């Protein structure tokens, strides 16, 4: 074997090594991106559940949230400030979700389920009033998205009414 043949074999082996390295690198990038998306989704879910936990774990906060969504005019000035702060906190969570979705940093099914969850609140009379007053505080893209979601949210039905209907339905079917 002459030096030219040895050099050609070396170049072929070098090219194969480069290709294998590129395949390995692509695989690692894909795994890293998936891991980053999962971490981001967990972070968003934690943020949302912490927010909901704050509301549900304190009777006063829960009352302010529930009444504020239905009849914000019945809140005292202090309660209205607390309700506004809760609306702002929730909206900031969903604004981050919106931009993460726009940048493909989260899975679309996660974004869809979170959007479905927020629609109940978006259709409430109290949130509509709050958002109309505060929508200038957010970017136009997010405001437009939230406005569309709000327009498709349907009529707000308090959870207590849904629960009462479920209980009544269960009691009627209890005789079966």
Protein backbone atom coordinates (compact mmCIF):
# COMPACT_ATOMS: atom_id res chain seq x y z
CA UNK A 1 0.00 0.00 0.00
CA UNK A 2 1.39 3.37 -0.91
CA UNK A 3 1.11 6.65 0.98
CA UNK A 4 -1.64 7.97 -1.27
CA UNK A 5 -3.87 4.99 -0.47
CA UNK A 6 -3.17 5.31 3.25
CA UNK A 7 -4.01 9.03 3.06
CA UNK A 8 -7.28 8.29 1.23
CA UNK A 9 -8.29 5.71 3.85
CA UNK A 10 -7.45 8.24 6.58
CA UNK A 11 -9.61 10.89 4.92
CA UNK A 12 -12.54 8.48 4.63
CA UNK A 13 -12.19 7.47 8.28
CA UNK A 14 -11.96 11.14 9.26
CA UNK A 15 -15.11 11.96 7.28
CA UNK A 16 -16.97 9.08 8.94
CA UNK A 17 -15.83 10.29 12.36
CA UNK A 18 -17.05 13.83 11.58
CA UNK A 19 -20.43 12.49 10.42
CA UNK A 20 -20.82 10.38 13.57
CA UNK A 21 -19.91 13.39 15.69
CA UNK A 22 -22.54 15.50 13.91
CA UNK A 23 -25.21 12.83 14.40
CA UNK A 24 -24.30 12.58 18.08
CA UNK A 25 -24.37 16.38 18.45
CA UNK A 26 -27.79 16.62 16.74
CA UNK A 27 -29.15 13.93 19.07
CA UNK A 28 -27.80 15.73 22.12
CA UNK A 29 -29.29 19.05 20.97
CA UNK A 30 -32.69 17.39 20.43
CA UNK A 31 -32.57 15.82 23.91
CA UNK A 32 -31.46 19.11 25.44
CA UNK A 33 -34.30 21.03 23.72
CA UNK A 34 -36.87 18.50 24.90
CA UNK A 35 -35.51 18.70 28.44
CA UNK A 36 -35.63 22.51 28.35
CA UNK A 37 -39.26 22.45 27.14
CA UNK A 38 -40.21 20.04 29.92
CA UNK A 39 -38.47 22.18 32.50
CA UNK A 40 -40.23 25.29 31.20
CA UNK A 41 -43.61 23.55 31.29
CA UNK A 42 -42.98 22.37 34.86
CA UNK A 43 -42.02 25.90 35.86
CA UNK A 44 -45.18 27.35 34.30
CA UNK A 45 -47.33 24.67 35.91
CA UNK A 46 -45.72 25.37 39.29
CA UNK A 47 -46.38 29.08 38.88
CA UNK A 48 -50.05 28.47 37.99
CA UNK A 49 -50.63 25.96 40.80
CA UNK A 50 -48.94 28.27 43.32
CA UNK A 51 -51.27 31.07 42.22
CA UNK A 52 -54.33 28.83 42.51
CA UNK A 53 -53.09 27.48 45.83
CA UNK A 54 -52.85 30.99 47.24
CA UNK A 55 -56.45 31.64 46.28
CA UNK A 56 -57.86 28.33 47.50
CA UNK A 57 -55.92 28.13 50.77
CA UNK A 58 -57.14 31.44 52.18
CA UNK A 59 -60.87 32.01 52.71
CA UNK A 60 -60.62 35.79 52.43
CA UNK A 61 -58.60 35.66 49.21
CA UNK A 62 -60.95 33.04 47.80
CA UNK A 63 -63.96 35.24 48.60
CA UNK A 64 -62.34 38.31 47.03
CA UNK A 65 -61.46 36.33 43.89
CA UNK A 66 -64.89 34.70 43.58
CA UNK A 67 -66.88 37.87 44.25
CA UNK A 68 -64.51 39.97 42.13
CA UNK A 69 -65.02 37.72 39.12
CA UNK A 70 -68.81 38.03 39.39
CA UNK A 71 -69.56 41.45 40.92
CA UNK A 72 -66.43 43.55 41.31
CA UNK A 73 -68.50 46.63 42.25
CA UNK A 74 -69.48 44.92 45.50
CA UNK A 75 -65.86 44.81 46.71
CA UNK A 76 -64.46 47.39 49.12
CA UNK A 77 -61.60 49.56 47.79
CA UNK A 78 -59.06 47.36 49.60
CA UNK A 79 -60.65 44.16 48.27
CA UNK A 80 -60.77 45.66 44.78
CA UNK A 81 -57.03 46.35 45.00
CA UNK A 82 -56.44 42.75 46.05
CA UNK A 83 -58.66 41.47 43.24
CA UNK A 84 -56.80 43.66 40.74
CA UNK A 85 -53.48 42.30 41.98
CA UNK A 86 -54.72 38.72 41.58
CA UNK A 87 -55.91 39.50 38.03
CA UNK A 88 -52.53 41.05 37.22
CA UNK A 89 -50.64 38.06 38.63
CA UNK A 90 -52.78 35.61 36.65
CA UNK A 91 -52.46 37.67 33.47
CA UNK A 92 -48.67 37.85 33.80
CA UNK A 93 -48.56 34.05 34.12
CA UNK A 94 -50.54 33.73 30.91
CA UNK A 95 -48.50 36.40 29.17
CA UNK A 96 -45.36 34.34 29.82
CA UNK A 97 -47.22 31.28 28.57
CA UNK A 98 -48.23 33.14 25.41
CA UNK A 99 -44.66 34.18 24.61
CA UNK A 100 -43.25 30.75 25.45
CA UNK A 101 -45.77 29.27 23.04
CA UNK A 102 -44.88 31.84 20.37
CA UNK A 103 -41.21 30.93 20.63
CA UNK A 104 -41.99 27.18 20.59
CA UNK A 105 -40.41 26.87 24.03
CA UNK A 106 -43.30 24.72 25.27
CA UNK A 107 -45.35 21.90 23.81
CA UNK A 108 -48.54 23.03 22.07
CA UNK A 109 -50.75 20.59 24.01
CA UNK A 110 -49.60 22.19 27.28
CA UNK A 111 -50.37 25.66 25.98
CA UNK A 112 -53.78 24.45 24.80
CA UNK A 113 -54.72 22.99 28.19
CA UNK A 114 -53.60 26.13 30.02
CA UNK A 115 -55.58 28.29 27.58
CA UNK A 116 -58.68 26.16 28.18
CA UNK A 117 -58.25 26.70 31.92
CA UNK A 118 -58.00 30.47 31.63
CA UNK A 119 -61.08 30.82 29.40
CA UNK A 120 -63.39 30.38 32.40
CA UNK A 121 -61.86 33.42 34.06
CA UNK A 122 -61.64 35.49 30.87
CA UNK A 123 -65.40 35.35 30.41
CA UNK A 124 -66.18 36.58 33.91
CA UNK A 125 -67.68 40.07 34.28
CA UNK A 126 -65.01 41.13 36.79
CA UNK A 127 -62.06 40.08 34.67
CA UNK A 128 -63.55 41.71 31.59
CA UNK A 129 -63.81 45.04 33.43
CA UNK A 130 -60.31 44.69 34.86
CA UNK A 131 -58.73 43.74 31.52
CA UNK A 132 -60.48 46.56 29.65
CA UNK A 133 -58.97 49.00 32.13
CA UNK A 134 -55.48 47.43 32.15
CA UNK A 135 -54.94 46.06 28.64
CA UNK A 136 -52.72 49.03 27.77
CA UNK A 137 -50.19 47.62 30.26
CA UNK A 138 -49.47 44.65 27.99
CA UNK A 139 -48.03 44.22 24.52
CA UNK A 140 -50.35 44.54 21.54
CA UNK A 141 -49.73 40.94 20.43
CA UNK A 142 -50.64 39.53 23.82
CA UNK A 143 -53.60 41.88 24.22
CA UNK A 144 -54.96 40.85 20.81
CA UNK A 145 -54.54 37.15 21.66
CA UNK A 146 -56.21 37.56 25.04
CA UNK A 147 -59.05 39.57 23.49
CA UNK A 148 -59.70 36.77 20.99
CA UNK A 149 -59.62 34.16 23.75
CA UNK A 150 -61.94 36.34 25.80
CA UNK A 151 -64.41 36.67 22.94
CA UNK A 152 -64.54 32.88 22.53
CA UNK A 153 -64.70 32.10 26.24
CA UNK A 154 -68.49 32.04 26.44
CA UNK A 155 -70.59 33.05 29.40
CA UNK A 156 -68.96 32.76 32.81
CA UNK A 157 -70.50 30.10 35.03
CA UNK A 158 -69.28 30.04 38.64
CA UNK A 159 -67.89 26.73 39.82
CA UNK A 160 -70.51 26.58 42.59
CA UNK A 161 -73.27 26.47 39.94
CA UNK A 162 -71.47 23.71 38.04
CA UNK A 163 -71.03 21.79 41.30
CA UNK A 164 -74.69 22.26 42.30
CA UNK A 165 -75.86 21.01 38.88
CA UNK A 166 -73.57 17.98 39.21
CA UNK A 167 -74.88 17.21 42.69
CA UNK A 168 -78.50 17.59 41.56
CA UNK A 169 -77.85 15.34 38.59
CA UNK A 170 -76.19 12.77 40.83
CA UNK A 171 -79.10 12.86 43.30
CA UNK A 172 -81.63 12.32 40.47
CA UNK A 173 -79.63 9.34 39.20
CA UNK A 174 -79.25 7.92 42.71
CA UNK A 175 -82.67 6.24 42.40
CA UNK A 176 -81.49 4.10 39.48
